[in-house]
Amino acid sequence: MTDLSGAKAAIEAARRVVGIAVTKLATSGSVDDDQVVAYDVAHSAAAVETGRAMLAYGERGDIEARLTCAYVADAVCEIAAKLFGRQAAWGAAASDLGETVEFVSTYRDPAFLASIGMESGPRHLDPDFELVQDTFRRFADEKIRPIAEHIHRANDDIPEELISDLAEMGAFGLSIPEEYGGYSMGGESEYIGMVVATEELARGSLGVGGSLITRPEILTRALLAGGTEEQKQAWLPRLASAEVMNAVAVTEPDYGSDVANIKATATRTADGAGWLINGVKTWCTFGARGDVLMLLARTDPDRSLAHRGLSMFIVPKPRGDGHGFDLVQDAGSGGGDGAPGGGKMEGRPIDTIGYRGMHSYEIAFDDWWVAAENQIGLDGGLGRGFYFQMAGFENGRLQTAARAIGVMQAAYEDARQYALDRVVFGRPIAEYQLTLVKLARMAFLIQAARQFAYEVARKMAGGEGQLEASMVKAYVCKAAEWVTREAMQVHGGFGYAEEYAVSRYFVDARVLSIFEGADETLCLKVIARQLVARTKT
């Protein structure tokens, strides 16, 4: 019989060890002074919270219980490995995990893991969310997968037909309230629905499907947080229908996650009719195709104000293609009267090893004029752009976790099928223990990530879960690298060939720990700091 009580005890033991380490960080210095330990503790805390989310899942049935125990044993083993040799830095002893040894030994046993090697477990979604899953999975299978490989290899643009089809399904209005032409009714339905839809689209392709609905949501949440009623009425219905597609222009070449120090400026024109944007933004995904850019710029020249001197703008622009663009404004352009003309915007595509289709750009602005009414919040929004950006990215980390789950699911499905089909030394490789154990770890990592994402979505629907959203993003995106790598390995030499999609999953997964908060920054500046802060309150 599967030992769920043992799983609970093991997770609690791991949680106590992480708590000891957090207390040591809080009392012995700072997170920045002990970065290596703080990083490991942050990931360990995320693993513990993922395990706690799995405990309820384990109570739903036999395979659920076996996957839960396998995950918990694996997570505790990894935490022990981080602790071993650094006990003094953690403030904990290896014996603090001693009570878990028998449980971990039982559920890390190769024979046990091989027994669940072909089992991935049900998701246990409510019927409404099952309908969302089925709808978006069918769309991904019929519309995205047939073109995903071509777009990846040719570094091509996403077809307009695909965008139109997603718009007809309401995909771009999932987070937009009904009164503004969207489909959101708030609560769990909004957050869990977004997680489910994002996973299925990313299962089709991260670059072609999984990220398309992210950008409209970021601008939507920024507008809902700080936009005037007129701005909401003007932009949200057009975002919901995909009449307007947006990109996000926040990151700068010298300041990645350090947003408070950005240099791009917005200077009000003498007549007050608009602003002139100057500076450079980078990693602006979908920057060519986007009809508007959600742009963060410094409106107060006093740099000592840091993030308090930043404001947010909706910057209209003509559409371009994946090869870059060089735009010059005519007088009177830019969304209002009084544009001086001559403003320039130049977009240079950044070639990447994966995550293709949407394309990323470095965009330079030279006196690019934007109408005054396109500054989010108008006078009430001056200096509040950083907070609007944070609101915009509120769900971004959870969504990125969902994208990672979709990529992992695709990799796992392909690896499992290949293992069944591939015969080596007279037997399908799915019959070999090593293959089965690899598949088992893929399965329980994916299911644990999924169940934690659902829990975080519920928390966020209740106005909580910001720390947990960072945790799920950090943990799941690292897991995606392992899952996709091992899926390639199961394919052997064909895993290295572009004719198999698994090679795309691997290079796509690599970006997940970089965008929406680089893993190191997320662990040190967000997770570890918040954990330490909680011990001091």
Protein backbone atom coordinates (compact mmCIF):
# COMPACT_ATOMS: atom_id res chain seq x y z
CA MET A 1 0.00 0.00 0.00
CA THR A 2 1.33 3.44 -0.91
CA ASP A 3 2.51 5.38 2.14
CA LEU A 4 0.94 8.83 1.86
CA SER A 5 1.44 9.45 5.56
CA GLY A 6 5.14 8.82 4.98
CA ALA A 7 5.08 11.28 2.09
CA LYS A 8 3.53 13.91 4.33
CA ALA A 9 6.10 13.29 7.05
CA ALA A 10 8.96 13.48 4.54
CA ILE A 11 7.73 16.77 3.11
CA GLU A 12 7.33 18.21 6.61
CA ALA A 13 10.88 17.15 7.49
CA ALA A 14 12.17 18.82 4.33
CA ARG A 15 10.11 21.90 5.14
CA ARG A 16 11.68 22.12 8.60
CA VAL A 17 15.17 21.91 7.11
CA VAL A 18 14.36 24.67 4.65
CA GLY A 19 12.97 26.75 7.52
CA ILE A 20 16.19 26.29 9.47
CA ALA A 21 18.19 27.46 6.47
CA VAL A 22 15.96 30.49 5.97
CA THR A 23 16.39 31.44 9.63
CA LYS A 24 20.16 31.10 9.24
CA LEU A 25 20.07 33.41 6.23
CA ALA A 26 17.98 35.91 8.18
CA THR A 27 20.31 36.01 11.17
CA SER A 28 23.79 35.55 9.74
CA GLY A 29 23.97 38.18 7.01
CA SER A 30 22.06 38.88 3.84
CA VAL A 31 20.81 36.98 0.84
CA ASP A 32 23.34 38.81 -1.33
CA ASP A 33 26.20 37.72 0.94
CA ASP A 34 25.17 34.06 0.82
CA GLN A 35 23.92 33.75 -2.73
CA VAL A 36 24.77 30.11 -3.34
CA VAL A 37 22.94 28.89 -0.26
CA ALA A 38 20.07 31.33 -0.81
CA TYR A 39 19.65 30.07 -4.37
CA ASP A 40 19.58 26.43 -3.27
CA VAL A 41 17.21 27.20 -0.41
CA ALA A 42 14.84 29.03 -2.75
CA HIS A 43 14.67 26.04 -5.09
CA SER A 44 14.30 23.69 -2.13
CA ALA A 45 11.42 25.75 -0.77
CA ALA A 46 9.76 25.57 -4.19
CA ALA A 47 10.20 21.78 -4.25
CA VAL A 48 8.62 21.52 -0.79
CA GLU A 49 5.62 23.60 -1.80
CA THR A 50 5.23 21.52 -4.94
CA GLY A 51 5.25 18.40 -2.77
CA ARG A 52 2.61 19.82 -0.47
CA ALA A 53 0.40 20.47 -3.47
CA MET A 54 0.85 16.86 -4.53
CA LEU A 55 -0.32 15.44 -1.21
CA ALA A 56 -3.96 16.26 -1.92
CA TYR A 57 -3.60 14.86 -5.43
CA GLY A 58 -2.25 11.62 -3.97
CA GLU A 59 -5.46 11.02 -2.06
CA ARG A 60 -7.51 10.73 -5.26
CA GLY A 61 -6.47 7.24 -6.30
CA ASP A 62 -3.78 4.58 -6.54
CA ILE A 63 -1.71 5.95 -9.43
CA GLU A 64 -2.07 9.43 -7.97
CA ALA A 65 -0.67 8.16 -4.67
CA ARG A 66 2.24 6.39 -6.35
CA LEU A 67 3.16 9.46 -8.40
CA THR A 68 2.96 11.56 -5.25
CA CYS A 69 5.26 9.30 -3.25
CA ALA A 70 7.71 9.12 -6.15
CA TYR A 71 7.79 12.90 -6.43
CA VAL A 72 8.23 13.48 -2.69
CA ALA A 73 11.06 10.94 -2.46
CA ASP A 74 12.80 12.55 -5.42
CA ALA A 75 12.38 16.07 -4.04
CA VAL A 76 13.66 15.16 -0.57
CA CYS A 77 16.67 13.41 -2.12
CA GLU A 78 17.52 16.53 -4.14
CA ILE A 79 17.20 18.75 -1.07
CA ALA A 80 19.48 16.39 0.86
CA ALA A 81 22.05 16.64 -1.94
CA LYS A 82 22.00 20.45 -1.71
CA LEU A 83 22.38 20.26 2.07
CA PHE A 84 25.17 17.67 2.15
CA GLY A 85 28.57 19.32 2.56
CA ARG A 86 27.00 22.71 3.35
CA GLN A 87 25.37 21.86 6.65
CA ALA A 88 27.06 24.75 8.46
CA ALA A 89 25.92 27.26 5.87
CA TRP A 90 22.37 25.91 6.09
CA GLY A 91 22.46 25.69 9.87
CA ALA A 92 21.04 22.17 9.54
CA ALA A 93 22.42 18.67 9.90
CA ALA A 94 22.05 15.72 7.59
CA SER A 95 20.35 13.93 10.50
CA ASP A 96 17.48 16.42 10.22
CA LEU A 97 16.37 14.41 7.21
CA GLY A 98 17.22 11.07 8.82
CA GLU A 99 13.59 10.13 9.42
CA THR A 100 12.95 10.24 5.66
CA VAL A 101 15.56 7.65 4.68
CA GLU A 102 13.28 4.61 4.70
CA PHE A 103 10.54 6.42 2.78
CA VAL A 104 12.98 7.78 0.20
CA SER A 105 14.61 4.37 -0.21
CA THR A 106 11.24 2.75 -0.85
CA TYR A 107 10.01 5.21 -3.43
CA ARG A 108 13.30 5.81 -5.20
CA ASP A 109 13.73 2.09 -5.67
CA PRO A 110 14.26 1.47 -9.42
CA ALA A 111 11.77 -1.38 -9.44
CA PHE A 112 9.05 0.83 -7.97
CA LEU A 113 9.77 3.66 -10.40
CA ALA A 114 9.82 1.28 -13.36
CA SER A 115 6.34 0.08 -12.32
CA ILE A 116 4.93 3.55 -12.93
CA GLY A 117 7.04 4.29 -16.00
CA MET A 118 4.10 4.39 -18.40
CA GLU A 119 1.65 6.07 -16.01
CA SER A 120 1.13 9.83 -16.04
CA GLY A 121 -2.05 10.09 -13.96
CA PRO A 122 -5.28 12.02 -14.52
CA ARG A 123 -5.44 15.79 -13.99
CA HIS A 124 -8.72 15.86 -12.06
CA LEU A 125 -10.04 19.02 -13.65
CA ASP A 126 -13.61 20.16 -13.16
CA PRO A 127 -15.83 19.54 -16.21
CA ASP A 128 -15.69 23.18 -17.31
CA PHE A 129 -11.90 23.14 -17.34
CA GLU A 130 -11.86 19.76 -19.08
CA LEU A 131 -13.80 21.44 -21.86
CA VAL A 132 -11.18 24.21 -21.99
CA GLN A 133 -8.45 21.58 -22.11
CA ASP A 134 -10.12 19.59 -24.88
CA THR A 135 -10.83 22.72 -26.95
CA PHE A 136 -7.31 24.08 -26.84
CA ARG A 137 -5.69 20.66 -27.20
CA ARG A 138 -7.69 20.04 -30.36
CA PHE A 139 -6.70 23.45 -31.67
CA ALA A 140 -3.03 22.77 -30.91
CA ASP A 141 -3.16 19.38 -32.63
CA GLU A 142 -5.02 20.60 -35.71
CA LYS A 143 -3.66 24.12 -36.20
CA ILE A 144 -0.35 24.55 -34.38
CA ARG A 145 1.52 21.27 -34.55
CA PRO A 146 1.32 20.94 -38.35
CA ILE A 147 3.17 24.25 -38.81
CA ALA A 148 5.34 24.37 -35.69
CA GLU A 149 8.37 22.60 -37.14
CA HIS A 150 8.42 24.71 -40.31
CA ILE A 151 8.23 27.94 -38.34
CA HIS A 152 11.01 26.76 -36.02
CA ARG A 153 13.40 25.66 -38.76
CA ALA A 154 12.71 28.56 -41.12
CA ASN A 155 12.48 31.11 -38.29
CA ASP A 156 9.24 32.14 -39.98
CA ASP A 157 6.39 34.37 -38.80
CA ILE A 158 3.21 33.09 -37.16
CA PRO A 159 0.46 32.98 -39.82
CA GLU A 160 -2.23 35.62 -39.48
CA GLU A 161 -4.84 32.89 -39.90
CA LEU A 162 -3.67 31.28 -36.67
CA ILE A 163 -4.03 34.55 -34.79
CA SER A 164 -7.53 35.05 -36.23
CA ASP A 165 -8.56 31.52 -35.28
CA LEU A 166 -7.37 32.00 -31.71
CA ALA A 167 -9.23 35.30 -31.54
CA GLU A 168 -12.45 33.58 -32.63
CA MET A 169 -11.98 31.11 -29.79
CA GLY A 170 -11.73 33.98 -27.34
CA ALA A 171 -8.15 33.15 -26.39
CA PHE A 172 -7.04 36.78 -26.21
CA GLY A 173 -9.92 37.77 -23.96
CA LEU A 174 -9.45 35.16 -21.23
CA SER A 175 -8.30 37.79 -18.71
CA ILE A 176 -10.37 40.70 -20.02
CA PRO A 177 -13.61 41.36 -18.09
CA GLU A 178 -16.86 40.82 -19.94
CA GLU A 179 -17.77 44.52 -19.78
CA TYR A 180 -14.74 45.23 -21.97
CA GLY A 181 -15.46 42.55 -24.56
CA GLY A 182 -13.58 39.70 -22.92
CA TYR A 183 -14.57 36.44 -21.30
CA SER A 184 -13.26 36.78 -17.76
CA MET A 185 -15.70 36.51 -14.89
CA GLY A 186 -12.91 36.65 -12.32
CA GLY A 187 -12.14 34.10 -9.66
CA GLU A 188 -10.70 30.64 -10.18
CA SER A 189 -12.24 30.26 -13.62
CA GLU A 190 -10.01 33.03 -14.97
CA TYR A 191 -6.75 31.85 -13.48
CA ILE A 192 -7.15 28.10 -13.87
CA GLY A 193 -8.65 28.53 -17.33
CA MET A 194 -5.58 30.52 -18.37
CA VAL A 195 -3.23 27.85 -16.98
CA VAL A 196 -5.08 25.06 -18.78
CA ALA A 197 -5.28 26.92 -22.10
CA THR A 198 -1.64 28.01 -21.93
CA GLU A 199 -0.42 24.48 -21.25
CA GLU A 200 -2.26 23.05 -24.22
CA LEU A 201 -1.10 25.78 -26.60
CA ALA A 202 2.50 25.39 -25.43
CA ARG A 203 2.20 21.64 -25.89
CA GLY A 204 1.63 22.46 -29.55
CA SER A 205 4.53 24.92 -29.66
CA LEU A 206 6.04 27.34 -27.18
CA GLY A 207 6.90 29.94 -29.82
CA VAL A 208 3.86 29.56 -32.06
CA GLY A 209 1.08 28.95 -29.55
CA GLY A 210 2.04 29.00 -25.90
CA SER A 211 3.20 32.61 -25.76
CA LEU A 212 0.71 34.28 -28.08
CA ILE A 213 -1.87 34.86 -25.36
CA THR A 214 0.65 36.09 -22.80
CA ARG A 215 1.34 39.54 -24.18
CA PRO A 216 -2.31 40.71 -24.37
CA GLU A 217 -2.78 39.59 -20.79
CA ILE A 218 0.22 41.62 -19.60
CA LEU A 219 -1.13 44.81 -21.14
CA THR A 220 -4.63 43.97 -19.95
CA ARG A 221 -3.56 43.67 -16.33
CA ALA A 222 -1.52 46.88 -16.54
CA LEU A 223 -4.56 48.73 -17.90
CA LEU A 224 -6.87 47.26 -15.29
CA ALA A 225 -4.41 48.27 -12.57
CA GLY A 226 -3.82 51.86 -13.66
CA GLY A 227 -5.62 52.83 -16.84
CA THR A 228 -8.36 55.41 -16.96
CA GLU A 229 -11.85 54.25 -17.85
CA GLU A 230 -11.45 55.83 -21.28
CA GLN A 231 -8.20 53.91 -21.84
CA LYS A 232 -9.82 50.64 -20.81
CA GLN A 233 -12.74 51.24 -23.15
CA ALA A 234 -10.38 52.19 -25.97
CA TRP A 235 -7.94 49.29 -25.73
CA LEU A 236 -9.36 46.25 -23.95
CA PRO A 237 -12.06 45.35 -26.51
CA ARG A 238 -9.48 45.62 -29.29
CA LEU A 239 -7.06 43.39 -27.39
CA ALA A 240 -9.81 40.83 -26.79
CA SER A 241 -10.66 40.64 -30.49
CA ALA A 242 -7.01 40.74 -31.62
CA GLU A 243 -7.72 43.86 -33.63
CA VAL A 244 -4.70 45.07 -31.68
CA MET A 245 -1.81 42.76 -30.84
CA ASN A 246 0.82 44.05 -28.46
CA ALA A 247 4.43 43.47 -27.53
CA VAL A 248 6.18 44.40 -24.28
CA ALA A 249 9.13 46.81 -24.28
CA VAL A 250 10.55 46.89 -20.76
CA THR A 251 13.99 45.25 -20.69
CA GLU A 252 17.06 47.25 -21.75
CA PRO A 253 20.51 46.09 -22.92
CA ASP A 254 22.27 47.17 -19.73
CA TYR A 255 19.43 46.49 -17.33
CA GLY A 256 17.71 43.14 -17.58
CA SER A 257 15.86 42.37 -14.37
CA ASP A 258 17.10 45.64 -12.83
CA VAL A 259 14.14 47.58 -14.17
CA ALA A 260 14.46 50.47 -11.71
CA ASN A 261 17.61 51.66 -13.48
CA ILE A 262 16.32 51.80 -17.05
CA LYS A 263 17.51 54.66 -19.21
CA ALA A 264 14.84 55.04 -21.92
CA THR A 265 13.15 58.41 -21.51
CA ALA A 266 9.81 59.95 -22.32
CA THR A 267 9.83 63.74 -22.51
CA ARG A 268 6.61 65.72 -22.69
CA THR A 269 6.32 67.93 -25.76
CA ALA A 270 6.06 71.68 -25.29
CA ASP A 271 2.41 71.74 -26.34
CA GLY A 272 1.52 68.90 -23.97
CA ALA A 273 -0.01 66.88 -26.79
CA GLY A 274 2.38 63.99 -26.52
CA TRP A 275 5.67 62.50 -25.42
CA LEU A 276 8.94 61.83 -27.23
CA ILE A 277 10.47 58.42 -26.57
CA ASN A 278 14.23 57.97 -26.72
CA GLY A 279 16.36 54.98 -25.84
CA VAL A 280 16.80 51.28 -26.54
CA LYS A 281 14.74 48.28 -25.48
CA THR A 282 15.76 44.67 -25.95
CA TRP A 283 14.15 41.23 -25.90
CA CYS A 284 10.95 42.76 -27.17
CA THR A 285 9.17 39.58 -28.26
CA PHE A 286 6.62 40.01 -31.07
CA GLY A 287 7.93 43.55 -31.51
CA ALA A 288 7.59 43.59 -35.29
CA ARG A 289 4.11 42.10 -35.60
CA GLY A 290 2.73 44.00 -32.62
CA ASP A 291 0.42 46.92 -33.37
CA VAL A 292 1.39 48.58 -30.09
CA LEU A 293 4.21 48.35 -27.59
CA MET A 294 3.65 48.41 -23.84
CA LEU A 295 6.67 50.56 -23.04
CA LEU A 296 8.19 51.54 -19.70
CA ALA A 297 10.17 54.79 -19.77
CA ARG A 298 11.64 57.33 -17.38
CA THR A 299 9.47 60.45 -17.19
CA ASP A 300 11.32 62.06 -14.27
CA PRO A 301 15.00 62.80 -15.01
CA ASP A 302 15.90 62.46 -11.33
CA ARG A 303 17.48 59.00 -11.39
CA SER A 304 17.59 58.88 -7.62
CA LEU A 305 13.86 58.23 -7.79
CA ALA A 306 14.64 54.83 -9.35
CA HIS A 307 11.39 53.02 -10.10
CA ARG A 308 9.29 55.93 -8.82
CA GLY A 309 10.31 57.99 -11.86
CA LEU A 310 8.96 55.53 -14.44
CA SER A 311 5.73 55.68 -16.41
CA MET A 312 3.98 53.28 -18.78
CA PHE A 313 2.93 54.00 -22.37
CA ILE A 314 0.94 52.33 -25.10
CA VAL A 315 2.99 53.07 -28.21
CA PRO A 316 1.28 52.47 -31.58
CA LYS A 317 3.38 51.38 -34.55
CA PRO A 318 2.92 49.86 -38.02
CA ARG A 319 3.25 46.09 -38.33
CA GLY A 320 6.49 44.58 -39.57
CA ASP A 321 7.82 41.08 -40.22
CA GLY A 322 10.45 38.87 -38.66
CA HIS A 323 13.32 40.39 -40.63
CA GLY A 324 13.32 43.67 -38.73
CA PHE A 325 11.90 47.09 -39.35
CA ASP A 326 12.92 50.73 -39.79
CA LEU A 327 10.06 53.19 -39.26
CA VAL A 328 9.81 56.95 -39.61
CA GLN A 329 6.80 58.92 -38.36
CA ASP A 330 4.94 61.35 -40.59
CA ALA A 331 3.65 64.59 -39.09
CA GLY A 332 0.33 64.00 -37.37
CA SER A 333 0.96 60.27 -36.89
CA GLY A 334 1.13 58.25 -33.72
CA GLY A 335 -2.48 58.32 -32.58
CA GLY A 336 -3.18 62.04 -32.17
CA ASP A 337 -2.80 65.48 -33.64
CA GLY A 338 0.31 67.51 -33.25
CA ALA A 339 2.94 64.84 -33.89
CA PRO A 340 6.11 66.65 -34.94
CA GLY A 341 7.07 64.01 -37.50
CA GLY A 342 10.49 62.52 -38.11
CA GLY A 343 10.45 60.20 -35.11
CA LYS A 344 12.28 56.94 -35.74
CA MET A 345 11.90 53.37 -34.50
CA GLU A 346 14.36 50.71 -35.62
CA GLY A 347 13.92 47.05 -34.77
CA ARG A 348 16.82 44.62 -35.04
CA PRO A 349 15.88 40.93 -34.82
CA ILE A 350 17.79 38.86 -32.28
CA ASP A 351 18.46 35.37 -33.61
CA THR A 352 17.80 32.69 -31.01
CA ILE A 353 18.38 28.94 -30.84
CA GLY A 354 14.72 28.29 -30.02
CA TYR A 355 11.45 30.02 -29.11
CA ARG A 356 10.96 31.06 -32.71
CA GLY A 357 7.91 32.37 -34.51
CA MET A 358 7.21 35.44 -32.40
CA HIS A 359 10.79 36.75 -32.78
CA SER A 360 12.62 38.99 -30.34
CA TYR A 361 14.01 42.43 -31.14
CA GLU A 362 16.25 45.18 -29.95
CA ILE A 363 14.32 48.36 -30.65
CA ALA A 364 15.87 51.83 -30.76
CA PHE A 365 13.68 54.93 -30.38
CA ASP A 366 14.70 58.36 -31.60
CA ASP A 367 12.12 61.06 -30.76
CA TRP A 368 9.28 58.60 -31.40
CA TRP A 369 6.12 60.53 -30.63
CA VAL A 370 3.23 59.04 -28.66
CA ALA A 371 -0.01 60.84 -27.87
CA ALA A 372 -0.55 62.09 -24.33
CA GLU A 373 -3.69 59.99 -23.95
CA ASN A 374 -1.57 56.85 -24.41
CA GLN A 375 0.28 57.33 -21.16
CA ILE A 376 -1.40 54.81 -18.86
CA GLY A 377 -3.23 56.55 -16.04
CA LEU A 378 -2.51 60.05 -17.40
CA ASP A 379 -1.41 62.41 -14.59
CA GLY A 380 -2.49 59.89 -11.98
CA GLY A 381 -0.21 57.32 -13.58
CA LEU A 382 2.93 59.44 -13.75
CA GLY A 383 5.72 57.75 -11.85
CA ARG A 384 3.63 54.62 -11.36
CA GLY A 385 4.75 52.72 -14.45
CA PHE A 386 6.80 50.25 -12.43
CA TYR A 387 3.73 49.26 -10.42
CA PHE A 388 1.62 48.91 -13.56
CA GLN A 389 4.34 46.71 -15.01
CA MET A 390 4.33 44.57 -11.87
CA ALA A 391 0.56 44.24 -12.16
CA GLY A 392 0.96 43.33 -15.82
CA PHE A 393 3.42 40.60 -14.98
CA GLU A 394 1.39 39.46 -11.97
CA ASN A 395 0.25 36.31 -13.71
CA GLY A 396 3.24 36.08 -16.03
CA ARG A 397 5.24 33.74 -13.82
CA LEU A 398 2.32 31.38 -13.37
CA GLN A 399 1.69 31.49 -17.10
CA THR A 400 5.35 30.74 -17.80
CA ALA A 401 5.09 27.72 -15.52
CA ALA A 402 2.07 26.59 -17.55
CA ARG A 403 4.06 27.04 -20.75
CA ALA A 404 6.84 24.91 -19.27
CA ILE A 405 4.34 22.20 -18.36
CA GLY A 406 3.04 22.18 -21.92
CA VAL A 407 6.54 21.78 -23.36
CA MET A 408 7.30 19.00 -20.88
CA GLN A 409 4.05 17.22 -21.68
CA ALA A 410 4.84 17.28 -25.39
CA ALA A 411 8.33 15.93 -24.74
CA TYR A 412 7.04 13.19 -22.46
CA GLU A 413 4.36 12.06 -24.91
CA ASP A 414 6.85 11.87 -27.76
CA ALA A 415 9.44 10.05 -25.65
CA ARG A 416 6.92 7.51 -24.39
CA GLN A 417 5.64 6.78 -27.89
CA TYR A 418 9.16 6.50 -29.30
CA ALA A 419 10.09 4.12 -26.49
CA LEU A 420 7.16 1.89 -27.42
CA ASP A 421 8.06 1.93 -31.11
CA ARG A 422 11.85 1.69 -30.97
CA VAL A 423 13.24 -1.84 -30.83
CA VAL A 424 16.82 -2.33 -29.58
CA PHE A 425 18.41 -5.75 -29.02
CA GLY A 426 15.14 -7.41 -29.84
CA ARG A 427 12.94 -5.49 -27.39
CA PRO A 428 11.15 -2.13 -27.38
CA ILE A 429 13.20 0.24 -25.26
CA ALA A 430 10.04 0.87 -23.24
CA GLU A 431 10.66 -2.55 -21.67
CA TYR A 432 14.08 -1.58 -20.30
CA GLN A 433 14.25 -0.47 -16.68
CA LEU A 434 16.39 2.59 -17.33
CA THR A 435 13.94 3.92 -19.92
CA LEU A 436 10.99 3.25 -17.63
CA VAL A 437 12.62 5.09 -14.73
CA LYS A 438 13.35 8.08 -16.96
CA LEU A 439 9.72 8.14 -18.11
CA ALA A 440 8.49 7.78 -14.54
CA ARG A 441 10.48 10.81 -13.39
CA MET A 442 9.18 12.81 -16.33
CA ALA A 443 5.62 11.84 -15.45
CA PHE A 444 5.73 12.72 -11.76
CA LEU A 445 7.64 15.97 -12.33
CA ILE A 446 5.04 17.08 -14.87
CA GLN A 447 2.07 16.09 -12.74
CA ALA A 448 3.55 17.71 -9.63
CA ALA A 449 4.23 20.90 -11.56
CA ARG A 450 0.70 20.89 -12.93
CA GLN A 451 -0.96 20.35 -9.57
CA PHE A 452 1.15 23.09 -7.98
CA ALA A 453 0.22 25.43 -10.82
CA TYR A 454 -3.47 24.73 -10.18
CA GLU A 455 -2.99 25.48 -6.49
CA VAL A 456 -1.16 28.73 -7.22
CA ALA A 457 -3.94 29.73 -9.62
CA ARG A 458 -6.49 29.23 -6.84
CA LYS A 459 -4.41 31.31 -4.47
CA MET A 460 -4.02 34.11 -6.99
CA ALA A 461 -7.74 34.09 -7.65
CA GLY A 462 -8.12 34.88 -3.95
CA GLY A 463 -5.62 37.73 -4.07
CA GLU A 464 -2.71 35.70 -2.70
CA GLY A 465 0.02 33.45 -4.06
CA GLN A 466 2.57 35.94 -5.37
CA LEU A 467 5.48 34.15 -3.68
CA GLU A 468 4.16 30.77 -4.76
CA ALA A 469 3.88 32.02 -8.36
CA SER A 470 7.59 32.79 -8.29
CA MET A 471 8.28 29.38 -6.77
CA VAL A 472 6.33 27.44 -9.37
CA LYS A 473 8.02 29.37 -12.16
CA ALA A 474 11.50 28.74 -10.77
CA TYR A 475 10.96 25.05 -10.06
CA VAL A 476 9.02 24.06 -13.16
CA CYS A 477 11.26 25.83 -15.65
CA LYS A 478 14.35 24.06 -14.31
CA ALA A 479 12.47 20.77 -14.42
CA ALA A 480 11.58 21.40 -18.07
CA GLU A 481 15.26 21.42 -18.98
CA TRP A 482 15.74 17.94 -17.51
CA VAL A 483 12.54 16.50 -18.97
CA THR A 484 13.25 17.72 -22.50
CA ARG A 485 16.87 16.63 -22.33
CA GLU A 486 15.94 13.13 -21.27
CA ALA A 487 13.22 12.98 -23.90
CA MET A 488 15.95 13.68 -26.45
CA GLN A 489 18.10 10.98 -24.89
CA VAL A 490 15.30 8.43 -25.15
CA HIS A 491 15.24 9.19 -28.89
CA GLY A 492 18.96 8.45 -29.15
CA GLY A 493 20.56 9.85 -32.30
CA PHE A 494 17.18 10.89 -33.66
CA GLY A 495 16.76 13.18 -30.67
CA TYR A 496 19.56 15.27 -32.13
CA ALA A 497 17.93 15.39 -35.54
CA GLU A 498 15.68 18.29 -36.46
CA GLU A 499 13.25 15.94 -38.15
CA TYR A 500 12.00 15.01 -34.67
CA ALA A 501 10.16 17.68 -32.69
CA VAL A 502 11.89 16.67 -29.47
CA SER A 503 14.97 18.69 -30.47
CA ARG A 504 12.74 21.77 -30.64
CA TYR A 505 11.32 21.11 -27.21
CA PHE A 506 14.84 21.05 -25.78
CA VAL A 507 15.96 24.40 -27.20
CA ASP A 508 12.59 25.96 -26.40
CA ALA A 509 12.74 24.78 -22.79
CA ARG A 510 16.11 26.45 -22.31
CA VAL A 511 14.60 29.93 -22.48
CA LEU A 512 12.07 29.29 -19.73
CA SER A 513 14.55 29.86 -16.88
CA ILE A 514 15.66 33.11 -18.49
CA PHE A 515 12.57 35.14 -19.36
CA GLU A 516 9.84 36.37 -17.00
CA GLY A 517 12.54 36.73 -14.35
CA ALA A 518 15.91 35.03 -14.79
CA ASP A 519 16.15 32.04 -12.46
CA GLU A 520 18.96 33.46 -10.34
CA THR A 521 17.30 36.85 -9.94
CA LEU A 522 13.94 35.25 -9.19
CA CYS A 523 15.43 32.98 -6.53
CA LEU A 524 17.62 35.61 -4.86
CA LYS A 525 15.69 38.86 -5.23
CA VAL A 526 12.17 37.48 -4.86
CA ILE A 527 11.88 34.02 -3.31
CA ALA A 528 14.78 34.04 -0.84
CA ARG A 529 14.18 37.64 0.20
CA GLN A 530 10.49 37.06 0.82
CA LEU A 531 11.18 33.89 2.78
CA VAL A 532 13.70 35.76 4.93
CA ALA A 533 11.30 38.69 5.38
CA ARG A 534 8.61 36.31 6.64
CA THR A 535 10.92 35.07 9.41
CA LYS A 536 11.42 38.64 10.62
CA THR A 537 7.72 39.47 10.91
